[in-house]
Amino acid sequence: MTRLVGIDLGGTSIRAALSTGPTSYAKRVVRRPTPASSGPAAVISACAEAARDVAGGTPDGIAIGIPGPLDPERGLVFAAPHLPGFENLPAREMLSEAAGCPVAIHNDSNLAGYGEWAAGMGRGARIFILVTMGTGIGGAVIIDGTLLVGSAGTAAEMGHVPWDLDGPLCGQGHPGCLEGIASGTGIARCAATALAAGEESSLGAITPLTTSAIADAARAGDPLAVRVFADAARVLGRSFGALVNILGPDAIALGGGVGGTCADLLLAPIRAGMAEIGFVAPLQHCRVGQAELGQDAGLVGAVAWVVRSFGRD
């Protein structure tokens, strides 16, 4: 029996699962803390150990989602947030040597998008877009079953399209990116700025000021909290409308730590923002909704990708 393993690598944890089908995996999921402070070799070794553990021996193939820009064709990670030392790292070669099997690597958001396309909100879509909204904003584009990766492997960086030339910095230090305004970090920053300017709100009594706390206040009707979520969603919606105009997708899913838990606050103003800029005909043919797989999207995507890459009939 072919033993194929999908791995979801994060800054704090590693999850590995054994494929039982094109998009399914065994109930037993091996979890390991990510030894990020010990360097890349320790992280790769921990991933290999998790893969061997869940496979009950040497796997026949591994697919792994890694945060940050990378080139899946060359197996090279350019950089990875929260993983020190992952600069121009030959991660595929290192993991293949450590685990004793062939390896495919991909950006974690891309694999989350592939998982949503294969088994979630994007099922049946010819052109599908996942936008992940959390600390930052990422995404994935799948066209006719193929992940859009670009010539350097870094396509679909949704959070780094320009929105406001004088806007706050994104995580890469660029002014005015969508990520700096509409991510969870951006929402918290906007609320904190308003409070510092003297605006009255129940949020003034909350420390630390988290996106989750702002969402709770918005649901309770706090005007400042409602506004910062609505403003972020409108910006997101206009960017979604631009994607509709450019790519004509069948479906766009909103996921990520913030997008997946705050869809009730975001989706209506997102749709309104889309209507401000999107052409009528493609908007009518585009489903927009919450991603279905939640925190499992990355692992489902890794499993689906390992089957696609190394599966045999």
C-alpha atoms as a PDB file:
ATOM      1  CA  MET A   1       0.000   0.000   0.000  1.00  0.00           C
ATOM      2  CA  THR A   2       1.342   3.456  -0.946  1.00  0.00           C
ATOM      3  CA  ARG A   3       2.066   5.603   2.100  1.00  0.00           C
ATOM      4  CA  LEU A   4       1.667   9.240   1.161  1.00  0.00           C
ATOM      5  CA  VAL A   5       1.944  11.988   3.789  1.00  0.00           C
ATOM      6  CA  GLY A   6       0.733  15.586   3.801  1.00  0.00           C
ATOM      7  CA  ILE A   7       2.368  18.078   6.178  1.00  0.00           C
ATOM      8  CA  ASP A   8       1.146  21.498   7.271  1.00  0.00           C
ATOM      9  CA  LEU A   9       4.133  23.421   8.650  1.00  0.00           C
ATOM     10  CA  GLY A  10       3.479  26.493  10.766  1.00  0.00           C
ATOM     11  CA  GLY A  11       5.572  28.785  12.889  1.00  0.00           C
ATOM     12  CA  THR A  12       4.509  27.012  16.098  1.00  0.00           C
ATOM     13  CA  SER A  13       3.307  23.555  15.069  1.00  0.00           C
ATOM     14  CA  ILE A  14       3.745  20.744  12.553  1.00  0.00           C
ATOM     15  CA  ARG A  15       0.837  18.519  11.525  1.00  0.00           C
ATOM     16  CA  ALA A  16       1.288  15.370   9.459  1.00  0.00           C
ATOM     17  CA  ALA A  17      -1.422  13.065   8.104  1.00  0.00           C
ATOM     18  CA  LEU A  18      -1.478   9.850   6.088  1.00  0.00           C
ATOM     19  CA  SER A  19      -3.562   9.953   2.922  1.00  0.00           C
ATOM     20  CA  THR A  20      -6.491   7.560   2.633  1.00  0.00           C
ATOM     21  CA  GLY A  21      -7.779   9.003  -0.647  1.00  0.00           C
ATOM     22  CA  PRO A  22      -7.485  11.987  -2.996  1.00  0.00           C
ATOM     23  CA  THR A  23      -8.613  14.468  -0.321  1.00  0.00           C
ATOM     24  CA  SER A  24      -8.958  12.367   2.839  1.00  0.00           C
ATOM     25  CA  TYR A  25      -6.589  11.303   5.586  1.00  0.00           C
ATOM     26  CA  ALA A  26      -6.490   8.892   8.510  1.00  0.00           C
ATOM     27  CA  LYS A  27      -7.944  10.024  11.832  1.00  0.00           C
ATOM     28  CA  ARG A  28      -4.558   9.883  13.519  1.00  0.00           C
ATOM     29  CA  VAL A  29      -2.756  13.165  12.911  1.00  0.00           C
ATOM     30  CA  VAL A  30       0.780  13.520  14.244  1.00  0.00           C
ATOM     31  CA  ARG A  31       1.490  16.882  15.827  1.00  0.00           C
ATOM     32  CA  ARG A  32       4.872  18.262  16.772  1.00  0.00           C
ATOM     33  CA  PRO A  33       5.972  21.673  18.058  1.00  0.00           C
ATOM     34  CA  THR A  34       7.980  23.555  15.457  1.00  0.00           C
ATOM     35  CA  PRO A  35      11.557  23.959  16.776  1.00  0.00           C
ATOM     36  CA  ALA A  36      11.862  27.259  14.929  1.00  0.00           C
ATOM     37  CA  SER A  37      14.475  28.762  17.267  1.00  0.00           C
ATOM     38  CA  SER A  38      16.772  25.780  16.649  1.00  0.00           C
ATOM     39  CA  GLY A  39      17.126  26.551  12.958  1.00  0.00           C
ATOM     40  CA  PRO A  40      16.081  25.076   9.610  1.00  0.00           C
ATOM     41  CA  ALA A  41      17.806  21.708  10.016  1.00  0.00           C
ATOM     42  CA  ALA A  42      15.921  21.044  13.260  1.00  0.00           C
ATOM     43  CA  VAL A  43      12.600  22.045  11.676  1.00  0.00           C
ATOM     44  CA  ILE A  44      13.169  19.815   8.642  1.00  0.00           C
ATOM     45  CA  SER A  45      14.199  16.936  10.905  1.00  0.00           C
ATOM     46  CA  ALA A  46      11.028  17.345  12.989  1.00  0.00           C
ATOM     47  CA  CYS A  47       8.919  17.273   9.799  1.00  0.00           C
ATOM     48  CA  ALA A  48      10.659  14.093   8.642  1.00  0.00           C
ATOM     49  CA  GLU A  49      10.117  12.438  12.027  1.00  0.00           C
ATOM     50  CA  ALA A  50       6.429  13.372  11.993  1.00  0.00           C
ATOM     51  CA  ALA A  51       6.070  11.937   8.472  1.00  0.00           C
ATOM     52  CA  ARG A  52       7.739   8.637   9.390  1.00  0.00           C
ATOM     53  CA  ASP A  53       5.664   8.422  12.565  1.00  0.00           C
ATOM     54  CA  VAL A  54       2.314   8.878  10.832  1.00  0.00           C
ATOM     55  CA  ALA A  55       3.331   6.569   7.951  1.00  0.00           C
ATOM     56  CA  GLY A  56       4.609   3.838  10.241  1.00  0.00           C
ATOM     57  CA  GLY A  57       7.920   3.829   8.371  1.00  0.00           C
ATOM     58  CA  THR A  58       9.473   5.552   5.403  1.00  0.00           C
ATOM     59  CA  PRO A  59       6.776   7.331   3.377  1.00  0.00           C
ATOM     60  CA  ASP A  60       6.482   6.887  -0.371  1.00  0.00           C
ATOM     61  CA  GLY A  61       6.064  10.627  -0.815  1.00  0.00           C
ATOM     62  CA  ILE A  62       5.507  13.855   1.109  1.00  0.00           C
ATOM     63  CA  ALA A  63       3.863  17.159   0.223  1.00  0.00           C
ATOM     64  CA  ILE A  64       4.410  20.036   2.622  1.00  0.00           C
ATOM     65  CA  GLY A  65       2.933  23.511   2.906  1.00  0.00           C
ATOM     66  CA  ILE A  66       5.466  26.107   4.068  1.00  0.00           C
ATOM     67  CA  PRO A  67       4.614  29.718   4.970  1.00  0.00           C
ATOM     68  CA  GLY A  68       6.215  32.366   2.812  1.00  0.00           C
ATOM     69  CA  PRO A  69       7.301  32.840  -0.790  1.00  0.00           C
ATOM     70  CA  LEU A  70       8.928  29.841  -2.425  1.00  0.00           C
ATOM     71  CA  ASP A  71       9.593  28.180  -5.777  1.00  0.00           C
ATOM     72  CA  PRO A  72       7.922  24.750  -5.896  1.00  0.00           C
ATOM     73  CA  GLU A  73       9.715  23.816  -9.123  1.00  0.00           C
ATOM     74  CA  ARG A  74      13.195  24.310  -7.657  1.00  0.00           C
ATOM     75  CA  GLY A  75      12.170  23.329  -4.146  1.00  0.00           C
ATOM     76  CA  LEU A  76      13.565  26.569  -2.785  1.00  0.00           C
ATOM     77  CA  VAL A  77      12.097  28.651   0.059  1.00  0.00           C
ATOM     78  CA  PHE A  78      12.955  32.328  -0.341  1.00  0.00           C
ATOM     79  CA  ALA A  79      11.815  33.326   3.150  1.00  0.00           C
ATOM     80  CA  ALA A  80       9.388  32.078   5.796  1.00  0.00           C
ATOM     81  CA  PRO A  81       7.751  34.217   8.493  1.00  0.00           C
ATOM     82  CA  HIS A  82       8.444  32.972  12.025  1.00  0.00           C
ATOM     83  CA  LEU A  83      10.988  30.408  10.747  1.00  0.00           C
ATOM     84  CA  PRO A  84      14.449  31.940  11.239  1.00  0.00           C
ATOM     85  CA  GLY A  85      17.045  30.819   8.734  1.00  0.00           C
ATOM     86  CA  PHE A  86      14.578  29.854   5.994  1.00  0.00           C
ATOM     87  CA  GLU A  87      16.251  32.165   3.490  1.00  0.00           C
ATOM     88  CA  ASN A  88      16.979  30.668   0.072  1.00  0.00           C
ATOM     89  CA  LEU A  89      16.666  27.280   1.730  1.00  0.00           C
ATOM     90  CA  PRO A  90      16.653  24.093  -0.417  1.00  0.00           C
ATOM     91  CA  ALA A  91      13.804  22.719   1.685  1.00  0.00           C
ATOM     92  CA  ARG A  92      12.678  20.029  -0.755  1.00  0.00           C
ATOM     93  CA  GLU A  93      16.135  18.502  -1.008  1.00  0.00           C
ATOM     94  CA  MET A  94      16.683  18.680   2.743  1.00  0.00           C
ATOM     95  CA  LEU A  95      13.360  17.044   3.607  1.00  0.00           C
ATOM     96  CA  SER A  96      13.747  14.393   0.917  1.00  0.00           C
ATOM     97  CA  GLU A  97      17.135  13.430   2.329  1.00  0.00           C
ATOM     98  CA  ALA A  98      15.888  13.466   5.931  1.00  0.00           C
ATOM     99  CA  ALA A  99      12.729  11.427   5.211  1.00  0.00           C
ATOM    100  CA  GLY A 100      14.149   9.117   2.526  1.00  0.00           C
ATOM    101  CA  CYS A 101      11.425   9.789  -0.068  1.00  0.00           C
ATOM    102  CA  PRO A 102      10.430  12.242  -2.813  1.00  0.00           C
ATOM    103  CA  VAL A 103       9.013  15.558  -1.621  1.00  0.00           C
ATOM    104  CA  ALA A 104       6.864  18.315  -3.109  1.00  0.00           C
ATOM    105  CA  ILE A 105       6.799  21.735  -1.441  1.00  0.00           C
ATOM    106  CA  HIS A 106       4.313  24.549  -1.846  1.00  0.00           C
ATOM    107  CA  ASN A 107       3.298  27.765  -0.175  1.00  0.00           C
ATOM    108  CA  ASP A 108       0.870  27.020   2.671  1.00  0.00           C
ATOM    109  CA  SER A 109      -1.822  29.388   1.358  1.00  0.00           C
ATOM    110  CA  ASN A 110      -1.601  27.765  -2.067  1.00  0.00           C
ATOM    111  CA  LEU A 111      -2.162  24.323  -0.574  1.00  0.00           C
ATOM    112  CA  ALA A 112      -5.028  25.641   1.564  1.00  0.00           C
ATOM    113  CA  GLY A 113      -6.575  26.980  -1.632  1.00  0.00           C
ATOM    114  CA  TYR A 114      -6.030  23.694  -3.412  1.00  0.00           C
ATOM    115  CA  GLY A 115      -7.715  21.901  -0.511  1.00  0.00           C
ATOM    116  CA  GLU A 116     -10.727  24.236  -0.673  1.00  0.00           C
ATOM    117  CA  TRP A 117     -10.936  23.710  -4.434  1.00  0.00           C
ATOM    118  CA  ALA A 118     -10.692  19.926  -4.177  1.00  0.00           C
ATOM    119  CA  ALA A 119     -12.885  19.328  -1.132  1.00  0.00           C
ATOM    120  CA  GLY A 120     -14.384  22.589   0.108  1.00  0.00           C
ATOM    121  CA  MET A 121     -16.167  25.704  -1.082  1.00  0.00           C
ATOM    122  CA  GLY A 122     -14.484  25.596  -4.499  1.00  0.00           C
ATOM    123  CA  ARG A 123     -15.667  22.141  -5.532  1.00  0.00           C
ATOM    124  CA  GLY A 124     -16.723  22.168  -9.163  1.00  0.00           C
ATOM    125  CA  ALA A 125     -15.245  25.600  -9.901  1.00  0.00           C
ATOM    126  CA  ARG A 126     -13.158  25.997 -13.034  1.00  0.00           C
ATOM    127  CA  ILE A 127     -11.546  29.191 -11.720  1.00  0.00           C
ATOM    128  CA  PHE A 128     -11.370  29.418  -7.932  1.00  0.00           C
ATOM    129  CA  ILE A 129      -9.791  31.963  -5.591  1.00  0.00           C
ATOM    130  CA  LEU A 130      -9.139  31.591  -1.873  1.00  0.00           C
ATOM    131  CA  VAL A 131      -8.304  34.734   0.100  1.00  0.00           C
ATOM    132  CA  THR A 132      -6.917  34.078   3.573  1.00  0.00           C
ATOM    133  CA  MET A 133      -7.354  36.854   6.089  1.00  0.00           C
ATOM    134  CA  GLY A 134      -5.423  36.588   9.343  1.00  0.00           C
ATOM    135  CA  THR A 135      -2.363  38.361  10.704  1.00  0.00           C
ATOM    136  CA  GLY A 136      -1.676  39.054   7.033  1.00  0.00           C
ATOM    137  CA  ILE A 137      -3.562  38.397   3.811  1.00  0.00           C
ATOM    138  CA  GLY A 138      -2.661  35.574   1.451  1.00  0.00           C
ATOM    139  CA  GLY A 139      -4.395  33.555  -1.175  1.00  0.00           C
ATOM    140  CA  ALA A 140      -4.415  31.028  -3.953  1.00  0.00           C
ATOM    141  CA  VAL A 141      -5.738  30.851  -7.498  1.00  0.00           C
ATOM    142  CA  ILE A 142      -6.684  27.543  -9.134  1.00  0.00           C
ATOM    143  CA  ILE A 143      -7.466  27.493 -12.857  1.00  0.00           C
ATOM    144  CA  ASP A 144      -8.676  24.234 -14.409  1.00  0.00           C
ATOM    145  CA  GLY A 145      -7.169  22.292 -11.511  1.00  0.00           C
ATOM    146  CA  THR A 146      -3.775  23.987 -11.763  1.00  0.00           C
ATOM    147  CA  LEU A 147      -2.339  26.211  -9.062  1.00  0.00           C
ATOM    148  CA  LEU A 148      -1.245  29.584 -10.370  1.00  0.00           C
ATOM    149  CA  VAL A 149       2.338  29.944  -9.120  1.00  0.00           C
ATOM    150  CA  GLY A 150       3.972  32.358 -11.544  1.00  0.00           C
ATOM    151  CA  SER A 151       7.453  32.282 -13.024  1.00  0.00           C
ATOM    152  CA  ALA A 152       9.157  32.532  -9.612  1.00  0.00           C
ATOM    153  CA  GLY A 153       6.572  30.572  -7.649  1.00  0.00           C
ATOM    154  CA  THR A 154       5.230  33.633  -5.833  1.00  0.00           C
ATOM    155  CA  ALA A 155       1.932  34.414  -7.576  1.00  0.00           C
ATOM    156  CA  ALA A 156      -1.390  35.071  -5.782  1.00  0.00           C
ATOM    157  CA  GLU A 157      -0.007  37.307  -3.019  1.00  0.00           C
ATOM    158  CA  MET A 158      -3.402  38.938  -2.529  1.00  0.00           C
ATOM    159  CA  GLY A 159      -2.345  41.042   0.441  1.00  0.00           C
ATOM    160  CA  HIS A 160       0.236  43.010  -1.475  1.00  0.00           C
ATOM    161  CA  VAL A 161      -1.868  44.765  -4.074  1.00  0.00           C
ATOM    162  CA  PRO A 162      -1.837  48.563  -3.531  1.00  0.00           C
ATOM    163  CA  TRP A 163      -4.817  50.266  -1.976  1.00  0.00           C
ATOM    164  CA  ASP A 164      -3.717  53.577  -0.465  1.00  0.00           C
ATOM    165  CA  LEU A 165      -0.385  55.192  -1.364  1.00  0.00           C
ATOM    166  CA  ASP A 166      -0.228  56.771   2.100  1.00  0.00           C
ATOM    167  CA  GLY A 167      -1.622  53.779   3.985  1.00  0.00           C
ATOM    168  CA  PRO A 168       0.053  51.832   6.797  1.00  0.00           C
ATOM    169  CA  LEU A 169       2.870  49.396   6.143  1.00  0.00           C
ATOM    170  CA  CYS A 170       2.218  45.747   5.379  1.00  0.00           C
ATOM    171  CA  GLY A 171       4.243  42.913   6.883  1.00  0.00           C
ATOM    172  CA  GLN A 172       6.865  43.393   4.159  1.00  0.00           C
ATOM    173  CA  GLY A 173       7.283  47.064   5.008  1.00  0.00           C
ATOM    174  CA  HIS A 174       5.474  48.408   1.929  1.00  0.00           C
ATOM    175  CA  PRO A 175       3.114  51.378   2.386  1.00  0.00           C
ATOM    176  CA  GLY A 176      -0.492  51.130   1.295  1.00  0.00           C
ATOM    177  CA  CYS A 177      -0.856  47.389   0.712  1.00  0.00           C
ATOM    178  CA  LEU A 178      -4.214  45.708   1.226  1.00  0.00           C
ATOM    179  CA  GLU A 179      -2.644  43.675   4.042  1.00  0.00           C
ATOM    180  CA  GLY A 180      -1.761  46.793   6.017  1.00  0.00           C
ATOM    181  CA  ILE A 181      -5.359  47.960   5.986  1.00  0.00           C
ATOM    182  CA  ALA A 182      -7.654  44.927   5.837  1.00  0.00           C
ATOM    183  CA  SER A 183      -5.811  42.144   7.679  1.00  0.00           C
ATOM    184  CA  GLY A 184      -6.450  41.281  11.306  1.00  0.00           C
ATOM    185  CA  THR A 185      -3.379  43.337  12.161  1.00  0.00           C
ATOM    186  CA  GLY A 186      -4.730  46.228  10.097  1.00  0.00           C
ATOM    187  CA  ILE A 187      -8.128  46.111  11.794  1.00  0.00           C
ATOM    188  CA  ALA A 188      -6.517  46.203  15.249  1.00  0.00           C
ATOM    189  CA  ARG A 189      -4.269  49.079  14.164  1.00  0.00           C
ATOM    190  CA  CYS A 190      -7.215  51.121  12.854  1.00  0.00           C
ATOM    191  CA  ALA A 191      -9.135  50.622  16.088  1.00  0.00           C
ATOM    192  CA  ALA A 192      -6.112  51.558  18.203  1.00  0.00           C
ATOM    193  CA  THR A 193      -5.537  54.704  16.126  1.00  0.00           C
ATOM    194  CA  ALA A 194      -9.144  55.791  16.588  1.00  0.00           C
ATOM    195  CA  LEU A 195      -8.957  55.210  20.337  1.00  0.00           C
ATOM    196  CA  ALA A 196      -5.705  57.167  20.563  1.00  0.00           C
ATOM    197  CA  ALA A 197      -7.452  60.034  18.776  1.00  0.00           C
ATOM    198  CA  GLY A 198     -10.056  60.124  21.550  1.00  0.00           C
ATOM    199  CA  GLU A 199     -12.954  58.227  19.990  1.00  0.00           C
ATOM    200  CA  GLU A 200     -15.190  56.702  22.629  1.00  0.00           C
ATOM    201  CA  SER A 201     -15.693  52.952  22.508  1.00  0.00           C
ATOM    202  CA  SER A 202     -16.041  49.922  24.730  1.00  0.00           C
ATOM    203  CA  LEU A 203     -12.754  48.827  23.181  1.00  0.00           C
ATOM    204  CA  GLY A 204     -10.942  51.387  25.318  1.00  0.00           C
ATOM    205  CA  ALA A 205     -11.222  49.060  28.313  1.00  0.00           C
ATOM    206  CA  ILE A 206      -9.753  46.039  26.485  1.00  0.00           C
ATOM    207  CA  THR A 207      -6.085  45.100  26.765  1.00  0.00           C
ATOM    208  CA  PRO A 208      -4.637  43.695  24.598  1.00  0.00           C
ATOM    209  CA  LEU A 209      -6.761  44.924  21.724  1.00  0.00           C
ATOM    210  CA  THR A 210      -7.155  41.787  19.623  1.00  0.00           C
ATOM    211  CA  THR A 211      -9.117  41.278  16.420  1.00  0.00           C
ATOM    212  CA  SER A 212     -11.266  38.738  18.248  1.00  0.00           C
ATOM    213  CA  ALA A 213     -12.178  41.317  20.919  1.00  0.00           C
ATOM    214  CA  ILE A 214     -12.992  43.888  18.231  1.00  0.00           C
ATOM    215  CA  ALA A 215     -15.214  41.336  16.480  1.00  0.00           C
ATOM    216  CA  ASP A 216     -17.082  40.612  19.713  1.00  0.00           C
ATOM    217  CA  ALA A 217     -17.602  44.337  20.246  1.00  0.00           C
ATOM    218  CA  ALA A 218     -18.855  44.735  16.665  1.00  0.00           C
ATOM    219  CA  ARG A 219     -21.403  41.976  17.208  1.00  0.00           C
ATOM    220  CA  ALA A 220     -22.514  43.797  20.361  1.00  0.00           C
ATOM    221  CA  GLY A 221     -23.040  46.962  18.322  1.00  0.00           C
ATOM    222  CA  ASP A 222     -20.033  49.074  19.312  1.00  0.00           C
ATOM    223  CA  PRO A 223     -19.898  51.794  16.594  1.00  0.00           C
ATOM    224  CA  LEU A 224     -16.094  51.931  16.328  1.00  0.00           C
ATOM    225  CA  ALA A 225     -15.759  48.156  16.102  1.00  0.00           C
ATOM    226  CA  VAL A 226     -18.538  47.965  13.515  1.00  0.00           C
ATOM    227  CA  ARG A 227     -16.875  50.664  11.441  1.00  0.00           C
ATOM    228  CA  VAL A 228     -13.356  49.212  11.354  1.00  0.00           C
ATOM    229  CA  PHE A 229     -14.700  45.826  10.264  1.00  0.00           C
ATOM    230  CA  ALA A 230     -16.947  47.430   7.647  1.00  0.00           C
ATOM    231  CA  ASP A 231     -14.074  49.561   6.322  1.00  0.00           C
ATOM    232  CA  ALA A 232     -11.770  46.545   6.051  1.00  0.00           C
ATOM    233  CA  ALA A 233     -14.485  44.501   4.361  1.00  0.00           C
ATOM    234  CA  ARG A 234     -15.233  47.231   1.843  1.00  0.00           C
ATOM    235  CA  VAL A 235     -11.555  47.394   0.868  1.00  0.00           C
ATOM    236  CA  LEU A 236     -11.494  43.607   0.576  1.00  0.00           C
ATOM    237  CA  GLY A 237     -14.662  43.696  -1.483  1.00  0.00           C
ATOM    238  CA  ARG A 238     -13.228  46.168  -3.960  1.00  0.00           C
ATOM    239  CA  SER A 239     -10.145  43.982  -4.343  1.00  0.00           C
ATOM    240  CA  PHE A 240     -12.434  40.968  -4.886  1.00  0.00           C
ATOM    241  CA  GLY A 241     -14.246  42.988  -7.542  1.00  0.00           C
ATOM    242  CA  ALA A 242     -10.939  43.654  -9.285  1.00  0.00           C
ATOM    243  CA  LEU A 243     -10.183  39.923  -9.225  1.00  0.00           C
ATOM    244  CA  VAL A 244     -13.580  39.244 -10.768  1.00  0.00           C
ATOM    245  CA  ASN A 245     -12.819  41.710 -13.551  1.00  0.00           C
ATOM    246  CA  ILE A 246      -9.367  40.229 -14.197  1.00  0.00           C
ATOM    247  CA  LEU A 247      -9.939  36.482 -13.796  1.00  0.00           C
ATOM    248  CA  GLY A 248     -13.707  35.926 -13.978  1.00  0.00           C
ATOM    249  CA  PRO A 249     -13.755  33.294 -11.221  1.00  0.00           C
ATOM    250  CA  ASP A 250     -16.619  30.886 -10.540  1.00  0.00           C
ATOM    251  CA  ALA A 251     -16.082  31.223  -6.785  1.00  0.00           C
ATOM    252  CA  ILE A 252     -14.141  33.231  -4.205  1.00  0.00           C
ATOM    253  CA  ALA A 253     -13.799  31.889  -0.667  1.00  0.00           C
ATOM    254  CA  LEU A 254     -12.824  33.891   2.411  1.00  0.00           C
ATOM    255  CA  GLY A 255     -10.723  31.922   4.891  1.00  0.00           C
ATOM    256  CA  GLY A 256      -7.927  32.315   7.401  1.00  0.00           C
ATOM    257  CA  GLY A 257      -7.967  32.913  11.134  1.00  0.00           C
ATOM    258  CA  VAL A 258      -9.955  36.158  10.874  1.00  0.00           C
ATOM    259  CA  GLY A 259     -11.836  35.560   7.630  1.00  0.00           C
ATOM    260  CA  GLY A 260     -12.985  32.133   8.750  1.00  0.00           C
ATOM    261  CA  THR A 261     -14.283  33.258  12.145  1.00  0.00           C
ATOM    262  CA  CYS A 262     -15.623  36.715  11.279  1.00  0.00           C
ATOM    263  CA  ALA A 263     -17.445  35.973   8.030  1.00  0.00           C
ATOM    264  CA  ASP A 264     -20.694  37.127   9.634  1.00  0.00           C
ATOM    265  CA  LEU A 265     -19.209  40.646   9.911  1.00  0.00           C
ATOM    266  CA  LEU A 266     -17.369  40.654   6.595  1.00  0.00           C
ATOM    267  CA  LEU A 267     -19.319  38.987   3.809  1.00  0.00           C
ATOM    268  CA  ALA A 268     -22.166  41.494   3.370  1.00  0.00           C
ATOM    269  CA  PRO A 269     -19.875  44.559   3.107  1.00  0.00           C
ATOM    270  CA  ILE A 270     -17.470  42.529   0.934  1.00  0.00           C
ATOM    271  CA  ARG A 271     -20.281  41.848  -1.536  1.00  0.00           C
ATOM    272  CA  ALA A 272     -21.240  45.537  -1.457  1.00  0.00           C
ATOM    273  CA  GLY A 273     -17.644  46.534  -2.139  1.00  0.00           C
ATOM    274  CA  MET A 274     -17.448  44.086  -5.040  1.00  0.00           C
ATOM    275  CA  ALA A 275     -20.472  45.738  -6.625  1.00  0.00           C
ATOM    276  CA  GLU A 276     -18.678  49.108  -6.557  1.00  0.00           C
ATOM    277  CA  ILE A 277     -16.024  47.956  -9.012  1.00  0.00           C
ATOM    278  CA  GLY A 278     -16.938  44.562 -10.472  1.00  0.00           C
ATOM    279  CA  PHE A 279     -18.588  44.167 -13.861  1.00  0.00           C
ATOM    280  CA  VAL A 280     -22.178  42.997 -13.604  1.00  0.00           C
ATOM    281  CA  ALA A 281     -21.991  39.863 -15.767  1.00  0.00           C
ATOM    282  CA  PRO A 282     -18.996  38.173 -14.074  1.00  0.00           C
ATOM    283  CA  LEU A 283     -20.305  39.178 -10.635  1.00  0.00           C
ATOM    284  CA  GLN A 284     -23.538  37.321 -11.361  1.00  0.00           C
ATOM    285  CA  HIS A 285     -21.550  34.177 -12.147  1.00  0.00           C
ATOM    286  CA  CYS A 286     -19.265  34.321  -9.091  1.00  0.00           C
ATOM    287  CA  ARG A 287     -20.127  32.647  -5.784  1.00  0.00           C
ATOM    288  CA  VAL A 288     -18.665  34.398  -2.732  1.00  0.00           C
ATOM    289  CA  GLY A 289     -18.697  32.804   0.688  1.00  0.00           C
ATOM    290  CA  GLN A 290     -16.886  31.458   3.698  1.00  0.00           C
ATOM    291  CA  ALA A 291     -14.237  28.784   3.195  1.00  0.00           C
ATOM    292  CA  GLU A 292     -15.541  25.413   4.363  1.00  0.00           C
ATOM    293  CA  LEU A 293     -12.467  23.573   5.636  1.00  0.00           C
ATOM    294  CA  GLY A 294     -11.350  26.036   8.303  1.00  0.00           C
ATOM    295  CA  GLN A 295      -8.040  25.193   9.929  1.00  0.00           C
ATOM    296  CA  ASP A 296      -7.974  21.850   8.090  1.00  0.00           C
ATOM    297  CA  ALA A 297      -7.602  23.471   4.666  1.00  0.00           C
ATOM    298  CA  GLY A 298      -3.811  23.387   4.698  1.00  0.00           C
ATOM    299  CA  LEU A 299      -3.628  19.747   5.734  1.00  0.00           C
ATOM    300  CA  VAL A 300      -6.320  18.669   3.257  1.00  0.00           C
ATOM    301  CA  GLY A 301      -4.470  20.573   0.559  1.00  0.00           C
ATOM    302  CA  ALA A 302      -1.157  18.921   1.433  1.00  0.00           C
ATOM    303  CA  VAL A 303      -2.793  15.498   1.307  1.00  0.00           C
ATOM    304  CA  ALA A 304      -4.464  16.287  -2.007  1.00  0.00           C
ATOM    305  CA  TRP A 305      -1.166  17.560  -3.402  1.00  0.00           C
ATOM    306  CA  VAL A 306       0.858  14.521  -2.322  1.00  0.00           C
ATOM    307  CA  VAL A 307      -1.700  12.262  -4.002  1.00  0.00           C
ATOM    308  CA  ARG A 308      -1.570  14.402  -7.130  1.00  0.00           C
ATOM    309  CA  SER A 309       2.244  14.437  -7.098  1.00  0.00           C
ATOM    310  CA  PHE A 310       3.115  10.866  -6.136  1.00  0.00           C
ATOM    311  CA  GLY A 311      -0.103   8.850  -6.110  1.00  0.00           C
ATOM    312  CA  ARG A 312      -0.327   5.685  -8.138  1.00  0.00           C
ATOM    313  CA  ASP A 313      -3.443   3.803  -9.264  1.00  0.00           C
END
